[in-house]
């Protein structure tokens, strides 16, 4: 009886969160999906127009440019964060002097708001403020790379922290055996240790991929999508059409397209975790 009461209490405690998920998250997604098939403009409409909003969306050059920019940003951001974060984790794993301070320094940028990060990088990259200036932020062909630089600077510390936790969980006997066999440390990391960190890398990839898809505040803070629309990204396209251009239907269609890669990442990950738990 006591066990049943405890179980009931636990489920009751979860009800507010379950209601939030159902109403705020799933309900919002279903409403957005429905709206994407209507002619909604300033206000929601019940006029069903099928896939017309999606056709307009992919005929829109600004949307196509935003997808291209997101792809460029995503590839460079994820690869650079993985490389830099892994190297930092391996460096700190050597039990260097001042390890605690270094961990704090490397992780601190992630604690900052991306708006603050964007403003700082905008100031540093704006030409003319010093004897040396990097004018990529006003170059239409290079501006997206300035956003990549800011993103990598902020997120590499998180990758370092997650991978360092994985490295510290490696059995010390592996290192003892490697030293006895005279295997160089770099070879042990490359061939033995890093392959063992599969779950850590999976978590890092999930976080970085999600951060890529929802990229918005850094672009707004640094470039406002400019010069022109050169650094436009999907999230900014959606917000502009939702609040500035009064086109709820088109914004909803864009939001559903943007949701697709998130689900493509999350669902296999969640399925794999559930299978692992069941086993």
C-alpha atoms as a PDB file:
ATOM      1  CA  UNK A   1       0.000   0.000   0.000  1.00  0.00           C
ATOM      2  CA  UNK A   2       2.824   2.388   0.890  1.00  0.00           C
ATOM      3  CA  UNK A   3       4.630   1.556  -2.350  1.00  0.00           C
ATOM      4  CA  UNK A   4       1.479   2.218  -4.398  1.00  0.00           C
ATOM      5  CA  UNK A   5       0.950   5.538  -2.610  1.00  0.00           C
ATOM      6  CA  UNK A   6       4.563   6.546  -3.278  1.00  0.00           C
ATOM      7  CA  UNK A   7       4.197   5.625  -6.949  1.00  0.00           C
ATOM      8  CA  UNK A   8       0.962   7.597  -7.216  1.00  0.00           C
ATOM      9  CA  UNK A   9       2.604  10.617  -5.585  1.00  0.00           C
ATOM     10  CA  UNK A  10       5.500  10.420  -8.021  1.00  0.00           C
ATOM     11  CA  UNK A  11       3.177  10.347 -11.017  1.00  0.00           C
ATOM     12  CA  UNK A  12       1.157  13.236  -9.599  1.00  0.00           C
ATOM     13  CA  UNK A  13       4.352  15.283  -9.272  1.00  0.00           C
ATOM     14  CA  UNK A  14       5.041  14.703 -12.967  1.00  0.00           C
ATOM     15  CA  UNK A  15       1.601  15.865 -14.101  1.00  0.00           C
ATOM     16  CA  UNK A  16       2.483  19.601 -14.416  1.00  0.00           C
ATOM     17  CA  UNK A  17       5.467  18.800 -16.623  1.00  0.00           C
ATOM     18  CA  UNK A  18       3.441  16.319 -18.674  1.00  0.00           C
ATOM     19  CA  UNK A  19       0.729  18.946 -19.165  1.00  0.00           C
ATOM     20  CA  UNK A  20       3.357  21.485 -20.218  1.00  0.00           C
ATOM     21  CA  UNK A  21       4.784  19.070 -22.782  1.00  0.00           C
ATOM     22  CA  UNK A  22       1.375  18.201 -24.198  1.00  0.00           C
ATOM     23  CA  UNK A  23       0.000  21.731 -24.356  1.00  0.00           C
ATOM     24  CA  UNK A  24       3.013  23.982 -24.849  1.00  0.00           C
ATOM     25  CA  UNK A  25       5.189  21.733 -26.990  1.00  0.00           C
ATOM     26  CA  UNK A  26       3.125  19.126 -28.793  1.00  0.00           C
ATOM     27  CA  UNK A  27       0.096  21.416 -28.990  1.00  0.00           C
ATOM     28  CA  UNK A  28       2.193  24.225 -30.475  1.00  0.00           C
ATOM     29  CA  UNK A  29       3.728  21.890 -33.051  1.00  0.00           C
ATOM     30  CA  UNK A  30       0.302  20.604 -34.134  1.00  0.00           C
ATOM     31  CA  UNK A  31      -1.080  24.156 -34.336  1.00  0.00           C
ATOM     32  CA  UNK A  32       1.919  25.257 -36.420  1.00  0.00           C
ATOM     33  CA  UNK A  33       1.523  22.256 -38.717  1.00  0.00           C
ATOM     34  CA  UNK A  34      -2.144  23.039 -39.246  1.00  0.00           C
ATOM     35  CA  UNK A  35      -1.441  26.722 -39.858  1.00  0.00           C
ATOM     36  CA  UNK A  36       1.188  25.871 -42.485  1.00  0.00           C
ATOM     37  CA  UNK A  37      -1.574  24.416 -44.662  1.00  0.00           C
ATOM     38  CA  UNK A  38      -3.739  27.560 -44.481  1.00  0.00           C
ATOM     39  CA  UNK A  39      -3.689  31.019 -46.044  1.00  0.00           C
ATOM     40  CA  UNK A  40      -3.000  32.708 -42.696  1.00  0.00           C
ATOM     41  CA  UNK A  41      -1.465  36.176 -42.934  1.00  0.00           C
ATOM     42  CA  UNK A  42      -1.716  38.684 -40.076  1.00  0.00           C
ATOM     43  CA  UNK A  43      -4.257  36.482 -38.295  1.00  0.00           C
ATOM     44  CA  UNK A  44      -4.809  32.745 -38.349  1.00  0.00           C
ATOM     45  CA  UNK A  45      -7.167  31.546 -41.059  1.00  0.00           C
ATOM     46  CA  UNK A  46      -9.107  28.320 -41.560  1.00  0.00           C
ATOM     47  CA  UNK A  47      -8.817  28.465 -45.358  1.00  0.00           C
ATOM     48  CA  UNK A  48      -7.040  25.258 -46.365  1.00  0.00           C
ATOM     49  CA  UNK A  49      -4.616  25.681 -49.291  1.00  0.00           C
ATOM     50  CA  UNK A  50      -2.654  22.438 -49.109  1.00  0.00           C
ATOM     51  CA  UNK A  51       1.073  22.649 -49.836  1.00  0.00           C
ATOM     52  CA  UNK A  52       0.917  26.140 -51.359  1.00  0.00           C
ATOM     53  CA  UNK A  53       2.856  27.725 -48.474  1.00  0.00           C
ATOM     54  CA  UNK A  54       5.619  25.156 -48.859  1.00  0.00           C
ATOM     55  CA  UNK A  55       5.795  25.829 -52.608  1.00  0.00           C
ATOM     56  CA  UNK A  56       6.083  29.564 -51.938  1.00  0.00           C
ATOM     57  CA  UNK A  57       8.706  28.880 -49.308  1.00  0.00           C
ATOM     58  CA  UNK A  58      11.010  26.966 -51.632  1.00  0.00           C
ATOM     59  CA  UNK A  59      10.473  29.528 -54.387  1.00  0.00           C
ATOM     60  CA  UNK A  60      11.750  32.194 -51.986  1.00  0.00           C
ATOM     61  CA  UNK A  61      15.419  33.025 -52.646  1.00  0.00           C
ATOM     62  CA  UNK A  62      15.868  34.394 -49.145  1.00  0.00           C
ATOM     63  CA  UNK A  63      14.784  31.054 -47.649  1.00  0.00           C
ATOM     64  CA  UNK A  64      17.099  29.089 -49.934  1.00  0.00           C
ATOM     65  CA  UNK A  65      19.973  31.392 -48.987  1.00  0.00           C
ATOM     66  CA  UNK A  66      19.198  30.878 -45.302  1.00  0.00           C
ATOM     67  CA  UNK A  67      19.362  27.097 -45.751  1.00  0.00           C
ATOM     68  CA  UNK A  68      22.697  27.418 -47.558  1.00  0.00           C
ATOM     69  CA  UNK A  69      24.084  29.610 -44.773  1.00  0.00           C
ATOM     70  CA  UNK A  70      22.852  27.177 -42.124  1.00  0.00           C
ATOM     71  CA  UNK A  71      24.543  24.266 -43.913  1.00  0.00           C
ATOM     72  CA  UNK A  72      27.843  26.159 -44.136  1.00  0.00           C
ATOM     73  CA  UNK A  73      27.601  27.244 -40.521  1.00  0.00           C
ATOM     74  CA  UNK A  74      26.599  23.779 -39.301  1.00  0.00           C
ATOM     75  CA  UNK A  75      29.436  21.878 -40.965  1.00  0.00           C
ATOM     76  CA  UNK A  76      32.161  24.333 -39.942  1.00  0.00           C
ATOM     77  CA  UNK A  77      30.748  24.912 -36.451  1.00  0.00           C
ATOM     78  CA  UNK A  78      30.391  21.227 -35.568  1.00  0.00           C
ATOM     79  CA  UNK A  79      33.734  20.147 -37.032  1.00  0.00           C
ATOM     80  CA  UNK A  80      35.667  23.033 -35.450  1.00  0.00           C
ATOM     81  CA  UNK A  81      34.021  22.555 -32.040  1.00  0.00           C
ATOM     82  CA  UNK A  82      34.760  18.820 -32.105  1.00  0.00           C
ATOM     83  CA  UNK A  83      38.401  19.315 -33.071  1.00  0.00           C
ATOM     84  CA  UNK A  84      39.129  22.169 -30.664  1.00  0.00           C
ATOM     85  CA  UNK A  85      37.076  20.695 -27.815  1.00  0.00           C
ATOM     86  CA  UNK A  86      38.757  17.291 -28.179  1.00  0.00           C
ATOM     87  CA  UNK A  87      42.249  18.821 -28.209  1.00  0.00           C
ATOM     88  CA  UNK A  88      41.443  20.932 -25.146  1.00  0.00           C
ATOM     89  CA  UNK A  89      40.064  17.891 -23.308  1.00  0.00           C
ATOM     90  CA  UNK A  90      43.173  15.840 -24.111  1.00  0.00           C
ATOM     91  CA  UNK A  91      45.386  18.736 -23.029  1.00  0.00           C
ATOM     92  CA  UNK A  92      43.663  19.105 -19.657  1.00  0.00           C
ATOM     93  CA  UNK A  93      43.582  15.318 -19.229  1.00  0.00           C
ATOM     94  CA  UNK A  94      47.366  15.451 -18.804  1.00  0.00           C
ATOM     95  CA  UNK A  95      46.744  16.850 -15.273  1.00  0.00           C
ATOM     96  CA  UNK A  96      48.398  20.149 -16.138  1.00  0.00           C
ATOM     97  CA  UNK A  97      49.146  22.775 -13.512  1.00  0.00           C
ATOM     98  CA  UNK A  98      46.170  25.050 -12.853  1.00  0.00           C
ATOM     99  CA  UNK A  99      43.710  22.557 -14.311  1.00  0.00           C
ATOM    100  CA  UNK A 100      40.753  23.990 -12.415  1.00  0.00           C
ATOM    101  CA  UNK A 101      41.459  27.505 -13.650  1.00  0.00           C
ATOM    102  CA  UNK A 102      41.875  26.322 -17.243  1.00  0.00           C
ATOM    103  CA  UNK A 103      38.591  24.392 -17.148  1.00  0.00           C
ATOM    104  CA  UNK A 104      36.828  27.515 -15.903  1.00  0.00           C
ATOM    105  CA  UNK A 105      38.438  29.749 -18.535  1.00  0.00           C
ATOM    106  CA  UNK A 106      37.596  27.411 -21.413  1.00  0.00           C
ATOM    107  CA  UNK A 107      34.035  26.792 -20.230  1.00  0.00           C
ATOM    108  CA  UNK A 108      33.238  30.398 -19.293  1.00  0.00           C
ATOM    109  CA  UNK A 109      32.229  31.545 -22.816  1.00  0.00           C
ATOM    110  CA  UNK A 110      29.404  28.987 -22.831  1.00  0.00           C
ATOM    111  CA  UNK A 111      27.941  30.639 -19.727  1.00  0.00           C
ATOM    112  CA  UNK A 112      27.615  33.936 -21.587  1.00  0.00           C
ATOM    113  CA  UNK A 113      24.511  34.971 -23.477  1.00  0.00           C
ATOM    114  CA  UNK A 114      24.997  34.555 -27.222  1.00  0.00           C
ATOM    115  CA  UNK A 115      23.679  38.106 -27.619  1.00  0.00           C
ATOM    116  CA  UNK A 116      26.566  39.387 -25.493  1.00  0.00           C
ATOM    117  CA  UNK A 117      28.970  37.137 -27.386  1.00  0.00           C
ATOM    118  CA  UNK A 118      27.682  38.432 -30.713  1.00  0.00           C
ATOM    119  CA  UNK A 119      28.009  42.057 -29.664  1.00  0.00           C
ATOM    120  CA  UNK A 120      31.594  41.535 -28.485  1.00  0.00           C
ATOM    121  CA  UNK A 121      32.565  39.813 -31.718  1.00  0.00           C
ATOM    122  CA  UNK A 122      30.792  42.487 -33.737  1.00  0.00           C
ATOM    123  CA  UNK A 123      32.868  45.136 -31.987  1.00  0.00           C
ATOM    124  CA  UNK A 124      36.115  43.210 -32.546  1.00  0.00           C
ATOM    125  CA  UNK A 125      35.401  42.542 -36.223  1.00  0.00           C
ATOM    126  CA  UNK A 126      34.040  45.958 -37.177  1.00  0.00           C
ATOM    127  CA  UNK A 127      36.638  47.554 -39.465  1.00  0.00           C
ATOM    128  CA  UNK A 128      38.233  50.815 -38.440  1.00  0.00           C
ATOM    129  CA  UNK A 129      38.293  50.491 -34.653  1.00  0.00           C
ATOM    130  CA  UNK A 130      42.029  49.736 -34.473  1.00  0.00           C
ATOM    131  CA  UNK A 131      45.210  49.573 -36.513  1.00  0.00           C
ATOM    132  CA  UNK A 132      44.328  45.980 -37.456  1.00  0.00           C
ATOM    133  CA  UNK A 133      40.878  45.157 -38.746  1.00  0.00           C
ATOM    134  CA  UNK A 134      39.277  42.038 -40.156  1.00  0.00           C
ATOM    135  CA  UNK A 135      36.478  43.244 -42.419  1.00  0.00           C
ATOM    136  CA  UNK A 136      34.738  39.895 -42.974  1.00  0.00           C
ATOM    137  CA  UNK A 137      31.662  41.099 -41.085  1.00  0.00           C
ATOM    138  CA  UNK A 138      30.890  43.606 -43.883  1.00  0.00           C
ATOM    139  CA  UNK A 139      31.861  41.243 -46.700  1.00  0.00           C
ATOM    140  CA  UNK A 140      28.853  39.404 -48.160  1.00  0.00           C
ATOM    141  CA  UNK A 141      30.958  36.393 -49.105  1.00  0.00           C
ATOM    142  CA  UNK A 142      32.704  36.076 -45.729  1.00  0.00           C
ATOM    143  CA  UNK A 143      30.201  37.296 -43.144  1.00  0.00           C
ATOM    144  CA  UNK A 144      28.812  33.843 -42.302  1.00  0.00           C
ATOM    145  CA  UNK A 145      32.317  32.782 -41.286  1.00  0.00           C
ATOM    146  CA  UNK A 146      32.408  35.490 -38.626  1.00  0.00           C
ATOM    147  CA  UNK A 147      29.283  33.934 -37.099  1.00  0.00           C
ATOM    148  CA  UNK A 148      31.056  30.554 -37.183  1.00  0.00           C
ATOM    149  CA  UNK A 149      34.020  32.049 -35.324  1.00  0.00           C
ATOM    150  CA  UNK A 150      31.780  33.412 -32.572  1.00  0.00           C
ATOM    151  CA  UNK A 151      29.866  30.146 -32.283  1.00  0.00           C
ATOM    152  CA  UNK A 152      33.005  28.027 -32.053  1.00  0.00           C
ATOM    153  CA  UNK A 153      34.507  30.349 -29.438  1.00  0.00           C
ATOM    154  CA  UNK A 154      31.427  29.957 -27.282  1.00  0.00           C
ATOM    155  CA  UNK A 155      30.705  26.224 -27.647  1.00  0.00           C
ATOM    156  CA  UNK A 156      34.176  24.624 -27.728  1.00  0.00           C
ATOM    157  CA  UNK A 157      34.426  24.787 -23.937  1.00  0.00           C
ATOM    158  CA  UNK A 158      31.241  22.750 -23.558  1.00  0.00           C
ATOM    159  CA  UNK A 159      32.641  20.061 -25.856  1.00  0.00           C
ATOM    160  CA  UNK A 160      35.845  20.101 -23.805  1.00  0.00           C
ATOM    161  CA  UNK A 161      33.928  19.611 -20.547  1.00  0.00           C
ATOM    162  CA  UNK A 162      31.818  16.724 -21.836  1.00  0.00           C
ATOM    163  CA  UNK A 163      34.741  14.882 -23.411  1.00  0.00           C
ATOM    164  CA  UNK A 164      36.976  15.499 -20.401  1.00  0.00           C
ATOM    165  CA  UNK A 165      34.359  13.816 -18.217  1.00  0.00           C
ATOM    166  CA  UNK A 166      34.497  10.846 -20.573  1.00  0.00           C
ATOM    167  CA  UNK A 167      38.294  10.773 -20.538  1.00  0.00           C
ATOM    168  CA  UNK A 168      38.378  10.766 -16.754  1.00  0.00           C
ATOM    169  CA  UNK A 169      36.173   7.676 -16.819  1.00  0.00           C
ATOM    170  CA  UNK A 170      38.703   5.613 -18.810  1.00  0.00           C
ATOM    171  CA  UNK A 171      40.157   2.683 -16.892  1.00  0.00           C
ATOM    172  CA  UNK A 172      43.684   3.644 -15.666  1.00  0.00           C
ATOM    173  CA  UNK A 173      44.809   0.073 -16.415  1.00  0.00           C
ATOM    174  CA  UNK A 174      44.666   0.925 -20.123  1.00  0.00           C
ATOM    175  CA  UNK A 175      47.322   3.584 -19.642  1.00  0.00           C
ATOM    176  CA  UNK A 176      49.457   1.303 -17.510  1.00  0.00           C
ATOM    177  CA  UNK A 177      49.360  -1.400 -20.182  1.00  0.00           C
ATOM    178  CA  UNK A 178      50.171   1.129 -22.905  1.00  0.00           C
ATOM    179  CA  UNK A 179      53.196   2.420 -20.966  1.00  0.00           C
ATOM    180  CA  UNK A 180      54.460  -1.114 -20.396  1.00  0.00           C
ATOM    181  CA  UNK A 181      54.171  -1.840 -24.129  1.00  0.00           C
ATOM    182  CA  UNK A 182      55.851   1.445 -25.015  1.00  0.00           C
ATOM    183  CA  UNK A 183      52.875   2.733 -27.040  1.00  0.00           C
ATOM    184  CA  UNK A 184      52.977   6.534 -27.506  1.00  0.00           C
ATOM    185  CA  UNK A 185      50.193   8.497 -25.814  1.00  0.00           C
ATOM    186  CA  UNK A 186      48.851   9.944 -29.076  1.00  0.00           C
ATOM    187  CA  UNK A 187      48.368   6.441 -30.461  1.00  0.00           C
ATOM    188  CA  UNK A 188      46.518   5.313 -27.335  1.00  0.00           C
ATOM    189  CA  UNK A 189      44.164   8.296 -27.586  1.00  0.00           C
ATOM    190  CA  UNK A 190      43.575   7.795 -31.305  1.00  0.00           C
ATOM    191  CA  UNK A 191      43.183   4.024 -31.388  1.00  0.00           C
ATOM    192  CA  UNK A 192      41.807   3.143 -27.949  1.00  0.00           C
ATOM    193  CA  UNK A 193      40.567   6.009 -25.794  1.00  0.00           C
ATOM    194  CA  UNK A 194      38.626   8.208 -28.236  1.00  0.00           C
ATOM    195  CA  UNK A 195      36.738   5.252 -29.786  1.00  0.00           C
ATOM    196  CA  UNK A 196      35.608   4.399 -26.252  1.00  0.00           C
ATOM    197  CA  UNK A 197      33.956   7.825 -25.945  1.00  0.00           C
ATOM    198  CA  UNK A 198      31.181   7.042 -28.436  1.00  0.00           C
ATOM    199  CA  UNK A 199      28.336   8.031 -26.047  1.00  0.00           C
ATOM    200  CA  UNK A 200      30.097  11.299 -25.174  1.00  0.00           C
ATOM    201  CA  UNK A 201      30.584  12.153 -28.839  1.00  0.00           C
ATOM    202  CA  UNK A 202      26.940  11.277 -29.543  1.00  0.00           C
ATOM    203  CA  UNK A 203      25.812  13.703 -26.827  1.00  0.00           C
ATOM    204  CA  UNK A 204      28.127  16.407 -28.163  1.00  0.00           C
ATOM    205  CA  UNK A 205      26.854  15.936 -31.727  1.00  0.00           C
ATOM    206  CA  UNK A 206      23.261  16.134 -30.527  1.00  0.00           C
ATOM    207  CA  UNK A 207      23.866  19.376 -28.633  1.00  0.00           C
ATOM    208  CA  UNK A 208      25.868  20.995 -31.434  1.00  0.00           C
ATOM    209  CA  UNK A 209      23.372  19.973 -34.110  1.00  0.00           C
ATOM    210  CA  UNK A 210      20.473  21.365 -32.097  1.00  0.00           C
ATOM    211  CA  UNK A 211      22.395  24.603 -31.497  1.00  0.00           C
ATOM    212  CA  UNK A 212      23.007  24.850 -35.249  1.00  0.00           C
ATOM    213  CA  UNK A 213      19.357  24.480 -36.200  1.00  0.00           C
ATOM    214  CA  UNK A 214      18.174  27.107 -33.709  1.00  0.00           C
ATOM    215  CA  UNK A 215      20.884  29.652 -34.620  1.00  0.00           C
ATOM    216  CA  UNK A 216      19.295  33.092 -34.295  1.00  0.00           C
ATOM    217  CA  UNK A 217      20.545  35.363 -31.509  1.00  0.00           C
ATOM    218  CA  UNK A 218      24.172  35.417 -32.668  1.00  0.00           C
ATOM    219  CA  UNK A 219      23.161  36.494 -36.174  1.00  0.00           C
ATOM    220  CA  UNK A 220      20.807  39.183 -34.881  1.00  0.00           C
ATOM    221  CA  UNK A 221      23.432  40.520 -32.462  1.00  0.00           C
ATOM    222  CA  UNK A 222      26.304  40.471 -34.943  1.00  0.00           C
ATOM    223  CA  UNK A 223      24.901  41.189 -38.383  1.00  0.00           C
ATOM    224  CA  UNK A 224      21.092  41.507 -38.326  1.00  0.00           C
ATOM    225  CA  UNK A 225      21.225  39.074 -41.232  1.00  0.00           C
ATOM    226  CA  UNK A 226      23.338  41.451 -43.306  1.00  0.00           C
ATOM    227  CA  UNK A 227      25.007  42.879 -45.154  1.00  0.00           C
ATOM    228  CA  UNK A 228      21.808  42.658 -47.147  1.00  0.00           C
ATOM    229  CA  UNK A 229      20.650  39.114 -46.524  1.00  0.00           C
ATOM    230  CA  UNK A 230      24.124  37.551 -46.742  1.00  0.00           C
ATOM    231  CA  UNK A 231      24.005  36.027 -43.238  1.00  0.00           C
ATOM    232  CA  UNK A 232      20.306  35.160 -43.206  1.00  0.00           C
ATOM    233  CA  UNK A 233      19.441  31.935 -41.333  1.00  0.00           C
ATOM    234  CA  UNK A 234      16.141  30.004 -41.147  1.00  0.00           C
ATOM    235  CA  UNK A 235      15.252  31.035 -37.593  1.00  0.00           C
ATOM    236  CA  UNK A 236      15.595  34.722 -38.495  1.00  0.00           C
ATOM    237  CA  UNK A 237      13.545  34.181 -41.660  1.00  0.00           C
ATOM    238  CA  UNK A 238      10.780  32.658 -39.519  1.00  0.00           C
ATOM    239  CA  UNK A 239      10.813  35.417 -36.903  1.00  0.00           C
ATOM    240  CA  UNK A 240      10.832  38.166 -39.542  1.00  0.00           C
ATOM    241  CA  UNK A 241       7.854  36.700 -41.406  1.00  0.00           C
ATOM    242  CA  UNK A 242       5.992  35.997 -38.194  1.00  0.00           C
ATOM    243  CA  UNK A 243       6.358  39.413 -36.557  1.00  0.00           C
ATOM    244  CA  UNK A 244       7.509  41.899 -39.210  1.00  0.00           C
ATOM    245  CA  UNK A 245       5.947  40.677 -42.454  1.00  0.00           C
ATOM    246  CA  UNK A 246       2.695  39.379 -40.951  1.00  0.00           C
ATOM    247  CA  UNK A 247       2.804  36.096 -42.814  1.00  0.00           C
ATOM    248  CA  UNK A 248       1.922  33.448 -40.243  1.00  0.00           C
ATOM    249  CA  UNK A 249       1.286  30.763 -42.850  1.00  0.00           C
ATOM    250  CA  UNK A 250       4.683  31.059 -44.521  1.00  0.00           C
ATOM    251  CA  UNK A 251       6.465  31.327 -41.159  1.00  0.00           C
ATOM    252  CA  UNK A 252       4.679  28.197 -39.966  1.00  0.00           C
ATOM    253  CA  UNK A 253       5.710  26.276 -43.078  1.00  0.00           C
ATOM    254  CA  UNK A 254       9.324  27.359 -42.554  1.00  0.00           C
ATOM    255  CA  UNK A 255       9.122  26.332 -38.891  1.00  0.00           C
ATOM    256  CA  UNK A 256       7.924  22.849 -39.840  1.00  0.00           C
ATOM    257  CA  UNK A 257      10.741  22.478 -42.364  1.00  0.00           C
ATOM    258  CA  UNK A 258      13.203  23.568 -39.677  1.00  0.00           C
ATOM    259  CA  UNK A 259      11.696  21.054 -37.244  1.00  0.00           C
ATOM    260  CA  UNK A 260      12.364  18.132 -39.603  1.00  0.00           C
ATOM    261  CA  UNK A 261      16.162  17.930 -39.075  1.00  0.00           C
ATOM    262  CA  UNK A 262      15.695  18.282 -35.304  1.00  0.00           C
ATOM    263  CA  UNK A 263      13.380  15.261 -35.283  1.00  0.00           C
ATOM    264  CA  UNK A 264      15.766  13.402 -37.589  1.00  0.00           C
ATOM    265  CA  UNK A 265      18.476  13.876 -34.945  1.00  0.00           C
ATOM    266  CA  UNK A 266      16.433  13.400 -31.783  1.00  0.00           C
ATOM    267  CA  UNK A 267      14.286  10.398 -32.682  1.00  0.00           C
ATOM    268  CA  UNK A 268      17.127   7.958 -33.543  1.00  0.00           C
ATOM    269  CA  UNK A 269      19.011   9.146 -30.453  1.00  0.00           C
ATOM    270  CA  UNK A 270      15.976   8.648 -28.214  1.00  0.00           C
ATOM    271  CA  UNK A 271      15.304   5.253 -29.793  1.00  0.00           C
ATOM    272  CA  UNK A 272      18.880   4.151 -29.225  1.00  0.00           C
ATOM    273  CA  UNK A 273      18.775   5.276 -25.590  1.00  0.00           C
ATOM    274  CA  UNK A 274      15.489   3.430 -25.006  1.00  0.00           C
ATOM    275  CA  UNK A 275      16.865   0.228 -26.553  1.00  0.00           C
ATOM    276  CA  UNK A 276      19.975   0.510 -24.399  1.00  0.00           C
ATOM    277  CA  UNK A 277      17.887   1.029 -21.250  1.00  0.00           C
ATOM    278  CA  UNK A 278      15.653  -1.928 -22.117  1.00  0.00           C
ATOM    279  CA  UNK A 279      18.679  -4.162 -22.640  1.00  0.00           C
END
